[in-house]
Structure formats: structure tokens, C-alpha cells
N, C-alpha and C. Protein backbone atom coordinates (compact mmCIF):
# COMPACT_ATOMS: atom_id res chain seq x y z
N UNK A 1 -6.95 -8.70 10.00
CA UNK A 1 -6.63 -7.95 8.81
C UNK A 1 -6.87 -6.47 9.10
N UNK A 2 -5.96 -5.63 8.64
CA UNK A 2 -6.00 -4.21 8.96
C UNK A 2 -6.36 -3.37 7.74
N UNK A 3 -6.79 -2.15 8.01
CA UNK A 3 -6.97 -1.16 6.96
C UNK A 3 -5.68 -0.36 6.82
N UNK A 4 -5.60 0.42 5.76
CA UNK A 4 -4.45 1.31 5.60
C UNK A 4 -4.37 2.26 6.80
N UNK A 5 -5.51 2.75 7.27
CA UNK A 5 -5.53 3.68 8.40
C UNK A 5 -4.93 3.05 9.65
N UNK A 6 -5.25 1.78 9.91
CA UNK A 6 -4.66 1.11 11.07
C UNK A 6 -3.15 1.02 10.92
N UNK A 7 -2.69 0.69 9.72
CA UNK A 7 -1.25 0.64 9.46
C UNK A 7 -0.62 2.00 9.73
N UNK A 8 -1.21 3.07 9.22
CA UNK A 8 -0.69 4.43 9.46
C UNK A 8 -0.64 4.76 10.94
N UNK A 9 -1.67 4.34 11.68
CA UNK A 9 -1.75 4.65 13.11
C UNK A 9 -0.70 3.87 13.90
N UNK A 10 -0.53 2.58 13.58
CA UNK A 10 0.37 1.73 14.34
C UNK A 10 1.83 1.85 13.92
N UNK A 11 2.08 2.23 12.68
CA UNK A 11 3.46 2.30 12.17
C UNK A 11 3.62 3.52 11.26
N UNK A 12 3.47 4.74 11.82
CA UNK A 12 3.43 5.94 10.99
C UNK A 12 4.69 6.17 10.14
N UNK A 13 5.86 5.92 10.68
CA UNK A 13 7.09 6.14 9.91
C UNK A 13 7.18 5.17 8.74
N UNK A 14 6.88 3.92 8.99
CA UNK A 14 6.91 2.92 7.93
C UNK A 14 5.83 3.21 6.90
N UNK A 15 4.64 3.61 7.34
CA UNK A 15 3.55 3.92 6.42
C UNK A 15 3.92 5.08 5.50
N UNK A 16 4.64 6.05 6.01
CA UNK A 16 5.08 7.18 5.18
C UNK A 16 6.01 6.70 4.07
N UNK A 17 6.93 5.82 4.39
CA UNK A 17 7.86 5.27 3.39
C UNK A 17 7.10 4.45 2.36
N UNK A 18 6.21 3.60 2.83
CA UNK A 18 5.45 2.73 1.92
C UNK A 18 4.56 3.57 1.00
N UNK A 19 3.89 4.57 1.56
CA UNK A 19 3.05 5.45 0.75
C UNK A 19 3.88 6.12 -0.34
N UNK A 20 5.05 6.60 0.01
CA UNK A 20 5.92 7.25 -0.97
C UNK A 20 6.32 6.29 -2.09
N UNK A 21 6.62 5.04 -1.73
CA UNK A 21 6.99 4.05 -2.74
C UNK A 21 5.82 3.71 -3.65
N UNK A 22 4.61 3.63 -3.10
CA UNK A 22 3.45 3.26 -3.90
C UNK A 22 2.96 4.41 -4.77
N UNK A 23 3.33 5.64 -4.43
CA UNK A 23 2.91 6.78 -5.24
C UNK A 23 4.03 7.31 -6.14
N UNK A 24 5.24 6.81 -5.97
CA UNK A 24 6.38 7.26 -6.79
C UNK A 24 6.22 6.84 -8.24
N UNK A 25 5.62 5.69 -8.46
CA UNK A 25 5.34 5.21 -9.81
C UNK A 25 3.90 4.74 -9.86
N UNK A 26 3.37 4.65 -11.05
CA UNK A 26 1.96 4.30 -11.20
C UNK A 26 1.73 2.79 -11.20
N UNK A 27 2.64 2.04 -11.78
CA UNK A 27 2.41 0.61 -12.00
C UNK A 27 3.19 -0.25 -11.02
N UNK A 28 2.49 -1.26 -10.51
CA UNK A 28 3.07 -2.21 -9.56
C UNK A 28 2.69 -3.62 -10.00
N UNK A 29 3.00 -4.61 -9.18
CA UNK A 29 2.69 -5.99 -9.52
C UNK A 29 1.89 -6.61 -8.38
N UNK A 30 0.82 -7.33 -8.74
CA UNK A 30 0.02 -8.04 -7.75
C UNK A 30 0.03 -9.53 -8.10
N UNK A 31 0.14 -10.34 -7.08
CA UNK A 31 0.02 -11.79 -7.24
C UNK A 31 -1.33 -12.20 -6.66
N UNK A 32 -2.04 -13.01 -7.43
CA UNK A 32 -3.31 -13.58 -7.00
C UNK A 32 -3.22 -15.09 -7.20
N UNK A 33 -4.29 -15.79 -6.84
CA UNK A 33 -4.30 -17.24 -7.00
C UNK A 33 -5.30 -17.64 -8.08
N UNK A 34 -4.84 -18.42 -9.05
CA UNK A 34 -5.72 -18.94 -10.09
C UNK A 34 -6.65 -19.99 -9.50
N UNK A 35 -7.64 -20.40 -10.26
CA UNK A 35 -8.61 -21.39 -9.78
C UNK A 35 -7.93 -22.71 -9.40
N UNK A 36 -6.82 -23.05 -10.09
CA UNK A 36 -6.12 -24.30 -9.77
C UNK A 36 -5.11 -24.13 -8.65
N UNK A 37 -5.04 -22.94 -8.05
CA UNK A 37 -4.12 -22.68 -6.93
C UNK A 37 -2.76 -22.15 -7.34
N UNK A 38 -2.48 -22.12 -8.62
CA UNK A 38 -1.20 -21.60 -9.10
C UNK A 38 -1.19 -20.08 -8.97
N UNK A 39 -0.02 -19.49 -8.79
CA UNK A 39 0.03 -18.03 -8.69
C UNK A 39 -0.14 -17.37 -10.05
N UNK A 40 -0.69 -16.17 -10.03
CA UNK A 40 -0.80 -15.34 -11.24
C UNK A 40 -0.26 -13.97 -10.85
N UNK A 41 0.65 -13.42 -11.64
CA UNK A 41 1.13 -12.06 -11.41
C UNK A 41 0.58 -11.16 -12.52
N UNK A 42 0.17 -9.97 -12.12
CA UNK A 42 -0.44 -9.03 -13.05
C UNK A 42 0.05 -7.63 -12.72
N UNK A 43 0.14 -6.80 -13.74
CA UNK A 43 0.38 -5.39 -13.50
C UNK A 43 -0.85 -4.78 -12.88
N UNK A 44 -0.66 -3.77 -12.05
CA UNK A 44 -1.81 -3.13 -11.41
C UNK A 44 -1.46 -1.73 -10.97
N UNK A 45 -2.47 -0.99 -10.61
CA UNK A 45 -2.33 0.33 -10.00
C UNK A 45 -3.09 0.30 -8.68
N UNK A 46 -2.58 1.02 -7.70
CA UNK A 46 -3.27 1.12 -6.42
C UNK A 46 -3.54 2.58 -6.12
N UNK A 47 -4.45 2.81 -5.18
CA UNK A 47 -4.81 4.17 -4.80
C UNK A 47 -5.15 4.15 -3.32
N UNK A 48 -5.26 5.33 -2.75
CA UNK A 48 -5.63 5.49 -1.35
C UNK A 48 -6.98 6.18 -1.31
N UNK A 49 -7.92 5.57 -0.60
CA UNK A 49 -9.28 6.10 -0.50
C UNK A 49 -9.66 6.14 0.97
N UNK A 50 -9.51 7.28 1.60
CA UNK A 50 -9.84 7.41 3.01
C UNK A 50 -8.99 6.47 3.85
N UNK A 51 -9.65 5.54 4.53
CA UNK A 51 -8.95 4.60 5.41
C UNK A 51 -8.36 3.41 4.67
N UNK A 52 -8.53 3.34 3.35
CA UNK A 52 -8.23 2.10 2.62
C UNK A 52 -7.22 2.27 1.50
N UNK A 53 -6.46 1.21 1.29
CA UNK A 53 -5.66 1.02 0.09
C UNK A 53 -6.57 0.29 -0.89
N UNK A 54 -6.67 0.79 -2.12
CA UNK A 54 -7.61 0.21 -3.09
C UNK A 54 -6.90 -0.19 -4.37
N UNK A 55 -7.58 -1.04 -5.11
CA UNK A 55 -7.11 -1.53 -6.40
C UNK A 55 -8.30 -1.54 -7.34
N UNK A 56 -8.11 -1.02 -8.54
CA UNK A 56 -9.14 -1.09 -9.56
C UNK A 56 -8.74 -2.11 -10.61
N UNK A 57 -9.71 -2.60 -11.33
CA UNK A 57 -9.45 -3.59 -12.37
C UNK A 57 -10.49 -3.48 -13.47
N UNK A 58 -10.05 -3.72 -14.68
CA UNK A 58 -11.00 -3.74 -15.80
C UNK A 58 -11.98 -4.88 -15.60
N UNK A 59 -13.19 -4.74 -16.16
CA UNK A 59 -14.16 -5.83 -16.04
C UNK A 59 -13.64 -7.10 -16.70
N UNK A 60 -13.94 -8.20 -16.09
CA UNK A 60 -13.57 -9.52 -16.60
C UNK A 60 -12.07 -9.80 -16.59
N UNK A 61 -11.26 -8.95 -15.95
CA UNK A 61 -9.83 -9.22 -15.84
C UNK A 61 -9.63 -10.46 -14.98
N UNK A 62 -8.65 -11.24 -15.32
CA UNK A 62 -8.37 -12.47 -14.58
C UNK A 62 -8.05 -12.17 -13.12
N UNK A 63 -7.29 -11.11 -12.84
CA UNK A 63 -6.96 -10.81 -11.44
C UNK A 63 -8.22 -10.50 -10.64
N UNK A 64 -9.21 -9.84 -11.27
CA UNK A 64 -10.46 -9.55 -10.58
C UNK A 64 -11.21 -10.84 -10.26
N UNK A 65 -11.27 -11.74 -11.23
CA UNK A 65 -11.93 -13.03 -10.99
C UNK A 65 -11.19 -13.82 -9.91
N UNK A 66 -9.87 -13.77 -9.95
CA UNK A 66 -9.08 -14.46 -8.92
C UNK A 66 -9.46 -13.94 -7.53
N UNK A 67 -9.50 -12.61 -7.38
CA UNK A 67 -9.79 -12.01 -6.07
C UNK A 67 -11.22 -12.25 -5.63
N UNK A 68 -12.15 -12.33 -6.57
CA UNK A 68 -13.53 -12.64 -6.21
C UNK A 68 -13.65 -14.06 -5.67
N UNK A 69 -12.86 -14.98 -6.21
CA UNK A 69 -12.92 -16.38 -5.82
C UNK A 69 -12.09 -16.64 -4.56
N UNK A 70 -10.89 -16.06 -4.50
CA UNK A 70 -9.97 -16.24 -3.37
C UNK A 70 -9.32 -14.88 -3.12
N UNK A 71 -9.66 -14.22 -2.03
CA UNK A 71 -9.24 -12.82 -1.85
C UNK A 71 -7.77 -12.61 -1.50
N UNK A 72 -7.00 -13.67 -1.35
CA UNK A 72 -5.60 -13.49 -0.96
C UNK A 72 -4.80 -12.85 -2.09
N UNK A 73 -3.92 -11.93 -1.70
CA UNK A 73 -3.07 -11.24 -2.68
C UNK A 73 -1.71 -10.94 -2.06
N UNK A 74 -0.76 -10.63 -2.92
CA UNK A 74 0.53 -10.07 -2.51
C UNK A 74 0.84 -8.97 -3.51
N UNK A 75 1.14 -7.79 -3.00
CA UNK A 75 1.43 -6.62 -3.82
C UNK A 75 2.91 -6.29 -3.69
N UNK A 76 3.56 -6.01 -4.80
CA UNK A 76 4.97 -5.61 -4.81
C UNK A 76 5.08 -4.31 -5.57
N UNK A 77 5.74 -3.33 -4.97
CA UNK A 77 5.88 -2.05 -5.64
C UNK A 77 6.79 -2.17 -6.86
N UNK A 78 6.69 -1.20 -7.73
CA UNK A 78 7.59 -1.11 -8.88
C UNK A 78 9.00 -0.87 -8.33
N UNK A 79 9.96 -1.77 -8.64
CA UNK A 79 11.29 -1.61 -8.06
C UNK A 79 12.14 -0.52 -8.68
N UNK A 80 11.63 0.16 -9.69
CA UNK A 80 12.37 1.29 -10.25
C UNK A 80 13.44 0.88 -11.23
N UNK A 81 14.57 1.54 -11.13
CA UNK A 81 15.62 1.42 -12.16
C UNK A 81 16.65 0.33 -11.89
N UNK A 82 16.41 -0.55 -10.96
CA UNK A 82 17.30 -1.66 -10.61
C UNK A 82 18.57 -1.22 -9.89
N UNK A 83 18.65 0.02 -9.44
CA UNK A 83 19.83 0.48 -8.71
C UNK A 83 19.82 -0.01 -7.26
N UNK A 84 18.69 -0.47 -6.80
CA UNK A 84 18.50 -0.95 -5.43
C UNK A 84 18.79 0.13 -4.39
N UNK A 85 18.58 1.39 -4.76
CA UNK A 85 18.76 2.47 -3.81
C UNK A 85 17.53 2.69 -2.95
N UNK A 86 16.40 2.14 -3.38
CA UNK A 86 15.15 2.25 -2.63
C UNK A 86 14.67 0.84 -2.29
N UNK A 87 14.23 0.66 -1.07
CA UNK A 87 13.78 -0.67 -0.62
C UNK A 87 12.49 -1.08 -1.34
N UNK A 88 12.31 -2.39 -1.47
CA UNK A 88 11.08 -2.95 -2.04
C UNK A 88 9.99 -2.96 -0.98
N UNK A 89 8.77 -2.69 -1.42
CA UNK A 89 7.59 -2.77 -0.56
C UNK A 89 6.81 -4.01 -0.95
N UNK A 90 6.42 -4.80 0.03
CA UNK A 90 5.59 -5.97 -0.19
C UNK A 90 4.45 -5.93 0.82
N UNK A 91 3.24 -6.03 0.32
CA UNK A 91 2.06 -6.02 1.19
C UNK A 91 1.25 -7.26 0.85
N UNK A 92 0.81 -7.96 1.86
CA UNK A 92 -0.06 -9.11 1.60
C UNK A 92 -1.28 -9.02 2.50
N UNK A 93 -2.34 -9.64 2.03
CA UNK A 93 -3.59 -9.63 2.78
C UNK A 93 -4.70 -10.23 1.96
N UNK A 94 -5.90 -9.71 2.20
CA UNK A 94 -7.08 -10.19 1.49
C UNK A 94 -7.87 -9.00 0.96
N UNK A 95 -8.32 -9.14 -0.28
CA UNK A 95 -9.07 -8.07 -0.94
C UNK A 95 -10.57 -8.27 -0.74
N UNK A 96 -11.28 -7.17 -0.67
CA UNK A 96 -12.74 -7.20 -0.57
C UNK A 96 -13.29 -6.31 -1.67
N UNK A 97 -14.15 -6.86 -2.52
CA UNK A 97 -14.73 -6.07 -3.59
C UNK A 97 -15.74 -5.07 -3.03
N UNK A 98 -15.68 -3.85 -3.55
CA UNK A 98 -16.61 -2.80 -3.16
C UNK A 98 -17.76 -2.83 -4.17
N UNK A 99 -18.98 -2.99 -3.65
CA UNK A 99 -20.16 -3.13 -4.50
C UNK A 99 -21.29 -2.22 -4.03
N UNK A 100 -22.33 -2.14 -4.82
CA UNK A 100 -23.56 -1.46 -4.43
C UNK A 100 -23.38 0.01 -4.13
N UNK A 101 -24.09 0.51 -3.10
CA UNK A 101 -24.05 1.94 -2.78
C UNK A 101 -22.65 2.47 -2.48
N UNK A 102 -21.80 1.66 -1.85
CA UNK A 102 -20.43 2.12 -1.58
C UNK A 102 -19.66 2.34 -2.88
N UNK A 103 -19.83 1.43 -3.84
CA UNK A 103 -19.18 1.57 -5.13
C UNK A 103 -19.71 2.81 -5.86
N UNK A 104 -21.02 3.01 -5.82
CA UNK A 104 -21.63 4.17 -6.48
C UNK A 104 -21.14 5.47 -5.84
N UNK A 105 -20.98 5.50 -4.53
CA UNK A 105 -20.47 6.70 -3.85
C UNK A 105 -19.02 6.97 -4.25
N UNK A 106 -18.23 5.90 -4.37
CA UNK A 106 -16.84 6.04 -4.82
C UNK A 106 -16.81 6.68 -6.20
N UNK A 107 -17.63 6.18 -7.12
CA UNK A 107 -17.68 6.72 -8.48
C UNK A 107 -18.13 8.18 -8.47
N UNK A 108 -19.16 8.49 -7.71
CA UNK A 108 -19.69 9.85 -7.68
C UNK A 108 -18.65 10.84 -7.13
N UNK A 109 -17.90 10.42 -6.14
CA UNK A 109 -16.90 11.30 -5.54
C UNK A 109 -15.74 11.58 -6.48
N UNK A 110 -15.57 10.74 -7.48
CA UNK A 110 -14.44 10.89 -8.41
C UNK A 110 -14.90 11.15 -9.84
N UNK A 111 -16.09 11.67 -9.98
CA UNK A 111 -16.65 11.91 -11.31
C UNK A 111 -15.66 12.73 -12.13
N UNK A 112 -15.37 12.23 -13.32
CA UNK A 112 -14.44 12.89 -14.22
C UNK A 112 -12.99 12.49 -14.01
N UNK A 113 -12.67 11.86 -12.89
CA UNK A 113 -11.29 11.47 -12.61
C UNK A 113 -11.04 9.99 -12.85
N UNK A 114 -12.09 9.25 -13.17
CA UNK A 114 -11.96 7.81 -13.39
C UNK A 114 -11.94 7.50 -14.88
N UNK A 115 -11.29 6.41 -15.27
CA UNK A 115 -11.36 6.02 -16.67
C UNK A 115 -12.80 5.72 -17.07
N UNK A 116 -13.12 5.91 -18.34
CA UNK A 116 -14.50 5.62 -18.76
C UNK A 116 -14.80 4.13 -18.69
N UNK A 117 -16.06 3.83 -18.52
CA UNK A 117 -16.49 2.44 -18.54
C UNK A 117 -16.51 1.80 -17.18
N UNK A 118 -17.01 0.57 -17.14
CA UNK A 118 -17.14 -0.14 -15.86
C UNK A 118 -15.78 -0.63 -15.35
N UNK A 119 -15.73 -0.92 -14.09
CA UNK A 119 -14.51 -1.46 -13.48
C UNK A 119 -14.85 -2.13 -12.16
N UNK A 120 -13.93 -2.95 -11.69
CA UNK A 120 -14.02 -3.55 -10.36
C UNK A 120 -13.21 -2.68 -9.41
N UNK A 121 -13.65 -2.60 -8.16
CA UNK A 121 -12.91 -1.89 -7.12
C UNK A 121 -12.77 -2.82 -5.93
N UNK A 122 -11.54 -2.93 -5.44
CA UNK A 122 -11.26 -3.77 -4.28
C UNK A 122 -10.57 -2.95 -3.21
N UNK A 123 -10.96 -3.18 -1.96
CA UNK A 123 -10.21 -2.66 -0.81
C UNK A 123 -9.20 -3.73 -0.43
N UNK A 124 -7.98 -3.31 -0.22
CA UNK A 124 -6.93 -4.27 0.12
C UNK A 124 -6.72 -4.29 1.63
N UNK A 125 -7.24 -5.32 2.27
CA UNK A 125 -6.98 -5.53 3.69
C UNK A 125 -5.53 -5.97 3.85
N UNK A 126 -4.92 -5.58 4.94
CA UNK A 126 -3.48 -5.79 5.12
C UNK A 126 -3.22 -6.78 6.25
N UNK A 127 -2.51 -7.86 5.92
CA UNK A 127 -2.05 -8.82 6.92
C UNK A 127 -0.60 -8.54 7.33
N UNK A 128 0.21 -8.06 6.39
CA UNK A 128 1.56 -7.65 6.74
C UNK A 128 2.14 -6.74 5.68
N UNK A 129 3.11 -5.95 6.11
CA UNK A 129 3.85 -5.05 5.24
C UNK A 129 5.33 -5.30 5.48
N UNK A 130 6.06 -5.46 4.39
CA UNK A 130 7.50 -5.70 4.47
C UNK A 130 8.21 -4.65 3.62
N UNK A 131 9.26 -4.09 4.18
CA UNK A 131 10.15 -3.20 3.46
C UNK A 131 11.50 -3.91 3.44
N UNK A 132 12.00 -4.22 2.24
CA UNK A 132 13.24 -5.00 2.13
C UNK A 132 14.22 -4.29 1.20
N UNK A 133 15.39 -4.00 1.72
CA UNK A 133 16.40 -3.32 0.91
C UNK A 133 17.79 -3.52 1.47
N UNK A 134 18.74 -2.89 0.82
CA UNK A 134 20.12 -2.98 1.28
C UNK A 134 20.31 -2.11 2.53
N UNK A 135 21.22 -2.54 3.40
CA UNK A 135 21.54 -1.72 4.57
C UNK A 135 22.33 -0.49 4.14
N UNK A 136 22.64 0.38 5.09
CA UNK A 136 23.32 1.64 4.76
C UNK A 136 24.67 1.44 4.10
N UNK A 137 25.36 0.37 4.44
CA UNK A 137 26.68 0.12 3.83
C UNK A 137 26.59 -0.72 2.56
N UNK A 138 25.36 -1.13 2.20
CA UNK A 138 25.08 -1.93 1.00
C UNK A 138 25.83 -3.27 1.03
N UNK A 139 25.99 -3.82 2.25
CA UNK A 139 26.69 -5.09 2.40
C UNK A 139 25.76 -6.21 2.85
N UNK A 140 24.52 -5.90 3.09
CA UNK A 140 23.55 -6.90 3.53
C UNK A 140 22.14 -6.34 3.39
N UNK A 141 21.18 -7.18 3.72
CA UNK A 141 19.78 -6.78 3.63
C UNK A 141 19.27 -6.28 4.97
N UNK A 142 18.34 -5.33 4.90
CA UNK A 142 17.61 -4.87 6.07
C UNK A 142 16.13 -5.05 5.75
N UNK A 143 15.46 -5.79 6.59
CA UNK A 143 14.06 -6.13 6.36
C UNK A 143 13.24 -5.60 7.53
N UNK A 144 12.24 -4.79 7.22
CA UNK A 144 11.35 -4.23 8.23
C UNK A 144 9.98 -4.85 8.03
N UNK A 145 9.37 -5.32 9.12
CA UNK A 145 8.10 -6.03 9.07
C UNK A 145 7.10 -5.41 10.03
N UNK A 146 5.87 -5.22 9.54
CA UNK A 146 4.76 -4.81 10.39
C UNK A 146 3.61 -5.77 10.18
N UNK A 147 3.00 -6.17 11.29
CA UNK A 147 1.75 -6.95 11.28
C UNK A 147 0.79 -6.26 12.23
N UNK A 148 -0.52 -6.31 11.93
CA UNK A 148 -1.50 -5.62 12.78
C UNK A 148 -1.37 -6.00 14.25
N UNK A 149 -1.36 -4.96 15.09
CA UNK A 149 -1.32 -5.17 16.54
C UNK A 149 0.05 -5.51 17.08
N UNK A 150 1.07 -5.53 16.23
CA UNK A 150 2.43 -5.86 16.67
C UNK A 150 3.36 -4.69 16.39
N UNK A 151 4.43 -4.58 17.16
CA UNK A 151 5.39 -3.51 16.88
C UNK A 151 6.15 -3.80 15.57
N UNK A 152 6.67 -2.74 15.00
CA UNK A 152 7.51 -2.87 13.81
C UNK A 152 8.79 -3.57 14.22
N UNK A 153 9.22 -4.55 13.43
CA UNK A 153 10.47 -5.25 13.72
C UNK A 153 11.40 -5.13 12.51
N UNK A 154 12.69 -5.02 12.78
CA UNK A 154 13.69 -4.94 11.72
C UNK A 154 14.70 -6.06 11.91
N UNK A 155 15.02 -6.70 10.78
CA UNK A 155 15.97 -7.82 10.77
C UNK A 155 17.09 -7.50 9.80
N UNK A 156 18.27 -8.03 10.11
CA UNK A 156 19.41 -7.91 9.19
C UNK A 156 19.72 -9.29 8.63
N UNK A 157 20.08 -9.32 7.36
CA UNK A 157 20.49 -10.58 6.74
C UNK A 157 21.75 -10.36 5.95
């Protein structure tokens, strides 16, 4: 599992595109696993904190409980206006909750910039990143895949 920094280092061009997609809009969708193994999709926001892609959650949110129990997730960027002019970003991996002194340092560094009240903070470890969109002629799909330690690969469908 990789950090955002490893992704940037190994696939800088793809990381630039993905970063732009994740910061173009505020709200995205995350899939987690319920206690019974069924998928749960939730709206979410992500942020970049040093070497890490992070996710915050309100206390007692179902997605936070899901990630505490089973850290696997899949994140999908906001697809925008349905014009399909921008490729979809999909990231999957495992989340790790930030607790204790690290959590307190995160809060202190962002004093005044965080919503009031308690929250959960997760670092999103990355197992793979996929960029999927229409090709230049809009006649087929172009899928770009990155996995830690592997070169970026592009497929046409």
C-alpha cells in the first residue's frame, strides 16, 4: 500500500491529473464495507496532508465505523456535469485512522480552518489508481492504471 507521496513520485503526470480532479470539486463518493459485507456508498470530502491523502468524517458516521472495522475503501471523484469531458478518478486501498498525538498535531496545524466539533481523520493508503474516460475521438474508453512499484499502464476498450 502506498502513500500519496509515493504515487506522486512514481507517476507524477497521472498524480497531477488526479489531484486536479479531486480538488476541482469538494464532494466525492466513497464505498466502504458494512458489517455484513455489503457495500455502502457515502458522500465525502478528501484533502492532502503532506505525504498523505486524507478523509475526515463526522463522529459516529457509518462510513467511519465501516473503516474502523474493515479499512478497505474505493473512492470515486465527482464526475461533474455528465458531459464526460473529464475522466473519472477511482482510488482504492485501505484507510488508517489517525489518533493520539498525530491527530492532535493535525488539529493544531489547522486551527481555525477545521469545522467545529470532533471528527474522525483517516489516511487513505493507495493500492491502485485508475483514470477512466473517453479517448480523444470519443469512440472508446481509455483506462490508465497505476499500482505501487509498477509502471503506469494504459488500456483501450
